[in-house]
Amino acid sequence: MPSMKAARFHVARDIRIEDEEIPLPTADQALVAVEWCGLCASDLHEYLHGPLAVPTQPHPLSDEKLPVIMGHELARRILEAPRNSSLAPGQPVMVDPQLYCLSCATCQKGLTHGCEKWGFLGLSGRGGDLSEAVAVDTARIHPLPDSVDLSVAALLEPLAVA
């Protein structure tokens, strides 16, 4: 299995660059290469004082817990896309990093940001962007025009602070 480098958060002040297997996307996922990744205040707080939001028990949506690959403010390019999607290798994209169940009462009202099981790519598992590649659900991928500077696109994350 091919490998990649990733920054995995273990506990406060303990982030390690480790060899990880490149994720295998499912039929409804694309494999994306991380081009640019910002550091969020959440990442900093986790590093200095965590775990705060990072799960110490399996997260209800990702089933992951410490240690996790952090990072969620990013710009990416498609490496592999499902055949039935409009995505193409090399295409620049941004990803909505929120995790939600779509089955709780709040999600059923379309208020996924208030999901009872809410989580975040990176902080809650499912592969963060302090890695070389991530498998992402195509429903969360938003194509970008080729003219967008990816160093700026990393700031497009829907819940970005600065």
C-alpha atoms as a PDB file:
ATOM      1  CA  MET A   1       0.000   0.000   0.000  1.00  0.00           C
ATOM      2  CA  PRO A   2       1.456   3.423  -0.940  1.00  0.00           C
ATOM      3  CA  SER A   3       2.211   5.727   1.968  1.00  0.00           C
ATOM      4  CA  MET A   4       2.243   9.450   2.668  1.00  0.00           C
ATOM      5  CA  LYS A   5       3.343  11.789   5.456  1.00  0.00           C
ATOM      6  CA  ALA A   6       0.794  13.213   7.893  1.00  0.00           C
ATOM      7  CA  ALA A   7       0.878  15.309  11.084  1.00  0.00           C
ATOM      8  CA  ARG A   8      -0.915  13.348  13.784  1.00  0.00           C
ATOM      9  CA  PHE A   9      -1.979  15.056  17.048  1.00  0.00           C
ATOM     10  CA  HIS A  10      -1.464  12.790  20.073  1.00  0.00           C
ATOM     11  CA  VAL A  11      -1.834  15.092  23.115  1.00  0.00           C
ATOM     12  CA  ALA A  12      -1.010  18.689  24.022  1.00  0.00           C
ATOM     13  CA  ARG A  13       2.308  19.758  22.494  1.00  0.00           C
ATOM     14  CA  ASP A  14       2.734  16.370  20.816  1.00  0.00           C
ATOM     15  CA  ILE A  15       2.234  16.363  17.039  1.00  0.00           C
ATOM     16  CA  ARG A  16       4.215  13.774  15.108  1.00  0.00           C
ATOM     17  CA  ILE A  17       4.960  13.506  11.399  1.00  0.00           C
ATOM     18  CA  GLU A  18       4.133   9.883  10.653  1.00  0.00           C
ATOM     19  CA  ASP A  19       3.912   7.563   7.682  1.00  0.00           C
ATOM     20  CA  GLU A  20       0.279   6.779   6.870  1.00  0.00           C
ATOM     21  CA  GLU A  21      -1.357   4.685   4.194  1.00  0.00           C
ATOM     22  CA  ILE A  22      -2.870   6.770   1.416  1.00  0.00           C
ATOM     23  CA  PRO A  23      -6.629   6.476   1.974  1.00  0.00           C
ATOM     24  CA  LEU A  24      -8.684   4.399  -0.436  1.00  0.00           C
ATOM     25  CA  PRO A  25     -11.790   6.352  -1.482  1.00  0.00           C
ATOM     26  CA  THR A  26     -15.162   4.610  -1.432  1.00  0.00           C
ATOM     27  CA  ALA A  27     -17.474   4.685  -4.470  1.00  0.00           C
ATOM     28  CA  ASP A  28     -18.889   8.086  -3.413  1.00  0.00           C
ATOM     29  CA  GLN A  29     -15.577   9.690  -2.470  1.00  0.00           C
ATOM     30  CA  ALA A  30     -12.775  11.447  -4.307  1.00  0.00           C
ATOM     31  CA  LEU A  31      -9.122  11.283  -3.368  1.00  0.00           C
ATOM     32  CA  VAL A  32      -7.786  14.814  -3.078  1.00  0.00           C
ATOM     33  CA  ALA A  33      -4.252  16.157  -2.757  1.00  0.00           C
ATOM     34  CA  VAL A  34      -3.744  18.894  -0.214  1.00  0.00           C
ATOM     35  CA  GLU A  35      -2.182  21.933  -1.913  1.00  0.00           C
ATOM     36  CA  TRP A  36      -2.494  24.557   0.839  1.00  0.00           C
ATOM     37  CA  CYS A  37      -3.607  24.224   4.455  1.00  0.00           C
ATOM     38  CA  GLY A  38      -4.153  27.002   6.960  1.00  0.00           C
ATOM     39  CA  LEU A  39      -3.867  26.630  10.711  1.00  0.00           C
ATOM     40  CA  CYS A  40      -7.054  27.424  12.584  1.00  0.00           C
ATOM     41  CA  ALA A  41      -7.221  28.771  16.117  1.00  0.00           C
ATOM     42  CA  SER A  42      -8.830  25.415  16.999  1.00  0.00           C
ATOM     43  CA  ASP A  43      -5.667  23.639  15.839  1.00  0.00           C
ATOM     44  CA  LEU A  44      -3.548  25.954  17.983  1.00  0.00           C
ATOM     45  CA  HIS A  45      -5.761  25.486  21.072  1.00  0.00           C
ATOM     46  CA  GLU A  46      -5.679  21.708  20.642  1.00  0.00           C
ATOM     47  CA  TYR A  47      -1.895  21.777  20.314  1.00  0.00           C
ATOM     48  CA  LEU A  48      -1.403  23.971  23.383  1.00  0.00           C
ATOM     49  CA  HIS A  49      -4.118  22.624  25.700  1.00  0.00           C
ATOM     50  CA  GLY A  50      -5.777  19.605  24.086  1.00  0.00           C
ATOM     51  CA  PRO A  51      -7.466  17.403  23.748  1.00  0.00           C
ATOM     52  CA  LEU A  52     -10.399  19.836  23.876  1.00  0.00           C
ATOM     53  CA  ALA A  53     -12.611  19.068  20.860  1.00  0.00           C
ATOM     54  CA  VAL A  54     -10.602  16.094  19.588  1.00  0.00           C
ATOM     55  CA  PRO A  55     -12.373  12.924  20.768  1.00  0.00           C
ATOM     56  CA  THR A  56     -10.754  10.736  23.396  1.00  0.00           C
ATOM     57  CA  GLN A  57     -13.502   8.146  22.786  1.00  0.00           C
ATOM     58  CA  PRO A  58     -14.668   7.065  19.304  1.00  0.00           C
ATOM     59  CA  HIS A  59     -16.567   9.910  17.603  1.00  0.00           C
ATOM     60  CA  PRO A  60     -20.153   8.889  16.687  1.00  0.00           C
ATOM     61  CA  LEU A  61     -19.677   9.725  12.985  1.00  0.00           C
ATOM     62  CA  SER A  62     -16.017   9.001  12.271  1.00  0.00           C
ATOM     63  CA  ASP A  63     -15.523   6.256  14.881  1.00  0.00           C
ATOM     64  CA  GLU A  64     -12.055   7.772  15.411  1.00  0.00           C
ATOM     65  CA  LYS A  65     -10.317   9.100  18.502  1.00  0.00           C
ATOM     66  CA  LEU A  66      -6.864  10.347  19.447  1.00  0.00           C
ATOM     67  CA  PRO A  67      -4.443  10.439  17.747  1.00  0.00           C
ATOM     68  CA  VAL A  68      -5.973  12.254  14.748  1.00  0.00           C
ATOM     69  CA  ILE A  69      -4.612  13.929  11.626  1.00  0.00           C
ATOM     70  CA  MET A  70      -5.538  17.580  12.086  1.00  0.00           C
ATOM     71  CA  GLY A  71      -6.210  20.371   9.580  1.00  0.00           C
ATOM     72  CA  HIS A  72      -9.433  21.598   7.966  1.00  0.00           C
ATOM     73  CA  GLU A  73      -8.715  24.955   6.270  1.00  0.00           C
ATOM     74  CA  LEU A  74      -7.389  24.017   2.872  1.00  0.00           C
ATOM     75  CA  ALA A  75      -7.338  24.069  -0.869  1.00  0.00           C
ATOM     76  CA  ARG A  76      -6.982  20.819  -2.786  1.00  0.00           C
ATOM     77  CA  ARG A  77      -6.788  19.236  -6.209  1.00  0.00           C
ATOM     78  CA  ILE A  78      -8.601  16.097  -7.259  1.00  0.00           C
ATOM     79  CA  LEU A  79      -6.303  13.078  -7.614  1.00  0.00           C
ATOM     80  CA  GLU A  80      -8.991  10.458  -8.299  1.00  0.00           C
ATOM     81  CA  ALA A  81     -12.724  10.978  -8.821  1.00  0.00           C
ATOM     82  CA  PRO A  82     -15.629   8.539  -9.028  1.00  0.00           C
ATOM     83  CA  ARG A  83     -16.706   7.737 -12.586  1.00  0.00           C
ATOM     84  CA  ASN A  84     -20.241   9.001 -11.971  1.00  0.00           C
ATOM     85  CA  SER A  85     -19.144  12.465 -10.786  1.00  0.00           C
ATOM     86  CA  SER A  86     -18.403  15.707 -12.607  1.00  0.00           C
ATOM     87  CA  LEU A  87     -15.045  15.972 -10.805  1.00  0.00           C
ATOM     88  CA  ALA A  88     -11.829  15.503 -12.760  1.00  0.00           C
ATOM     89  CA  PRO A  89      -8.197  14.851 -11.809  1.00  0.00           C
ATOM     90  CA  GLY A  90      -6.266  18.103 -11.395  1.00  0.00           C
ATOM     91  CA  GLN A  91      -9.418  20.133 -10.692  1.00  0.00           C
ATOM     92  CA  PRO A  92      -9.040  22.674  -7.843  1.00  0.00           C
ATOM     93  CA  VAL A  93     -11.603  22.270  -5.047  1.00  0.00           C
ATOM     94  CA  MET A  94     -12.498  23.271  -1.520  1.00  0.00           C
ATOM     95  CA  VAL A  95     -14.282  21.009   0.945  1.00  0.00           C
ATOM     96  CA  ASP A  96     -16.959  21.630   3.552  1.00  0.00           C
ATOM     97  CA  PRO A  97     -15.234  20.005   6.558  1.00  0.00           C
ATOM     98  CA  GLN A  98     -18.346  19.575   8.700  1.00  0.00           C
ATOM     99  CA  LEU A  99     -19.463  16.069   9.674  1.00  0.00           C
ATOM    100  CA  TYR A 100     -23.167  15.566  10.298  1.00  0.00           C
ATOM    101  CA  CYS A 101     -25.548  12.619  10.437  1.00  0.00           C
ATOM    102  CA  LEU A 102     -28.497  13.866   8.307  1.00  0.00           C
ATOM    103  CA  SER A 103     -30.830  11.791  10.507  1.00  0.00           C
ATOM    104  CA  CYS A 104     -31.258  13.737  13.776  1.00  0.00           C
ATOM    105  CA  ALA A 105     -34.121  16.234  14.170  1.00  0.00           C
ATOM    106  CA  THR A 106     -31.801  19.211  13.633  1.00  0.00           C
ATOM    107  CA  CYS A 107     -30.302  17.781  10.434  1.00  0.00           C
ATOM    108  CA  GLN A 108     -33.791  16.904   9.171  1.00  0.00           C
ATOM    109  CA  LYS A 109     -34.622  20.634   9.422  1.00  0.00           C
ATOM    110  CA  GLY A 110     -31.576  21.419   7.267  1.00  0.00           C
ATOM    111  CA  LEU A 111     -29.625  22.826  10.216  1.00  0.00           C
ATOM    112  CA  THR A 112     -26.654  20.503   9.864  1.00  0.00           C
ATOM    113  CA  HIS A 113     -24.362  22.889  11.775  1.00  0.00           C
ATOM    114  CA  GLY A 114     -26.410  21.969  14.874  1.00  0.00           C
ATOM    115  CA  CYS A 115     -26.262  18.196  14.343  1.00  0.00           C
ATOM    116  CA  GLU A 116     -26.455  16.179  17.554  1.00  0.00           C
ATOM    117  CA  LYS A 117     -23.389  14.217  16.405  1.00  0.00           C
ATOM    118  CA  TRP A 118     -21.639  17.159  14.707  1.00  0.00           C
ATOM    119  CA  GLY A 119     -17.944  16.910  14.048  1.00  0.00           C
ATOM    120  CA  PHE A 120     -15.221  18.242  11.823  1.00  0.00           C
ATOM    121  CA  LEU A 121     -12.777  16.672   9.375  1.00  0.00           C
ATOM    122  CA  GLY A 122      -9.440  16.698  11.107  1.00  0.00           C
ATOM    123  CA  LEU A 123     -10.616  17.488  14.622  1.00  0.00           C
ATOM    124  CA  SER A 124     -13.066  14.564  14.734  1.00  0.00           C
ATOM    125  CA  GLY A 125     -11.213  12.184  12.444  1.00  0.00           C
ATOM    126  CA  ARG A 126     -11.813  11.085   8.837  1.00  0.00           C
ATOM    127  CA  GLY A 127      -8.458  12.441   7.762  1.00  0.00           C
ATOM    128  CA  GLY A 128      -7.260  15.968   8.244  1.00  0.00           C
ATOM    129  CA  ASP A 129      -5.442  18.191   5.838  1.00  0.00           C
ATOM    130  CA  LEU A 130      -2.083  18.145   7.539  1.00  0.00           C
ATOM    131  CA  SER A 131      -1.446  15.198   5.244  1.00  0.00           C
ATOM    132  CA  GLU A 132      -0.677  14.656   1.591  1.00  0.00           C
ATOM    133  CA  ALA A 133      -4.057  13.223   0.560  1.00  0.00           C
ATOM    134  CA  VAL A 134      -7.566  12.728   1.947  1.00  0.00           C
ATOM    135  CA  ALA A 135     -10.597  10.716   0.801  1.00  0.00           C
ATOM    136  CA  VAL A 136     -13.653  13.004   0.863  1.00  0.00           C
ATOM    137  CA  ASP A 137     -17.369  12.500   0.179  1.00  0.00           C
ATOM    138  CA  THR A 138     -18.117  14.095  -3.199  1.00  0.00           C
ATOM    139  CA  ALA A 139     -21.196  15.826  -1.723  1.00  0.00           C
ATOM    140  CA  ARG A 140     -18.839  17.974   0.388  1.00  0.00           C
ATOM    141  CA  ILE A 141     -16.568  18.966  -2.503  1.00  0.00           C
ATOM    142  CA  HIS A 142     -17.015  22.361  -4.179  1.00  0.00           C
ATOM    143  CA  PRO A 143     -15.138  22.902  -7.465  1.00  0.00           C
ATOM    144  CA  LEU A 144     -13.189  26.133  -7.844  1.00  0.00           C
ATOM    145  CA  PRO A 145     -12.395  28.047 -11.033  1.00  0.00           C
ATOM    146  CA  ASP A 146      -8.874  27.457 -12.342  1.00  0.00           C
ATOM    147  CA  SER A 147      -8.260  31.201 -11.914  1.00  0.00           C
ATOM    148  CA  VAL A 148      -8.516  31.020  -8.097  1.00  0.00           C
ATOM    149  CA  ASP A 149      -5.174  31.244  -6.306  1.00  0.00           C
ATOM    150  CA  LEU A 150      -5.104  28.152  -4.076  1.00  0.00           C
ATOM    151  CA  SER A 151      -3.124  29.981  -1.376  1.00  0.00           C
ATOM    152  CA  VAL A 152      -6.186  32.233  -1.042  1.00  0.00           C
ATOM    153  CA  ALA A 153      -8.691  29.404  -1.535  1.00  0.00           C
ATOM    154  CA  ALA A 154      -7.410  27.781   1.668  1.00  0.00           C
ATOM    155  CA  LEU A 155      -9.229  30.619   3.463  1.00  0.00           C
ATOM    156  CA  LEU A 156     -12.606  29.685   1.949  1.00  0.00           C
ATOM    157  CA  GLU A 157     -13.461  27.038   4.539  1.00  0.00           C
ATOM    158  CA  PRO A 158     -17.085  27.793   5.476  1.00  0.00           C
ATOM    159  CA  LEU A 159     -16.359  28.272   9.178  1.00  0.00           C
ATOM    160  CA  ALA A 160     -12.959  29.979   8.803  1.00  0.00           C
ATOM    161  CA  VAL A 161     -12.043  32.540  11.416  1.00  0.00           C
ATOM    162  CA  ALA A 162      -9.232  34.464   9.770  1.00  0.00           C
END
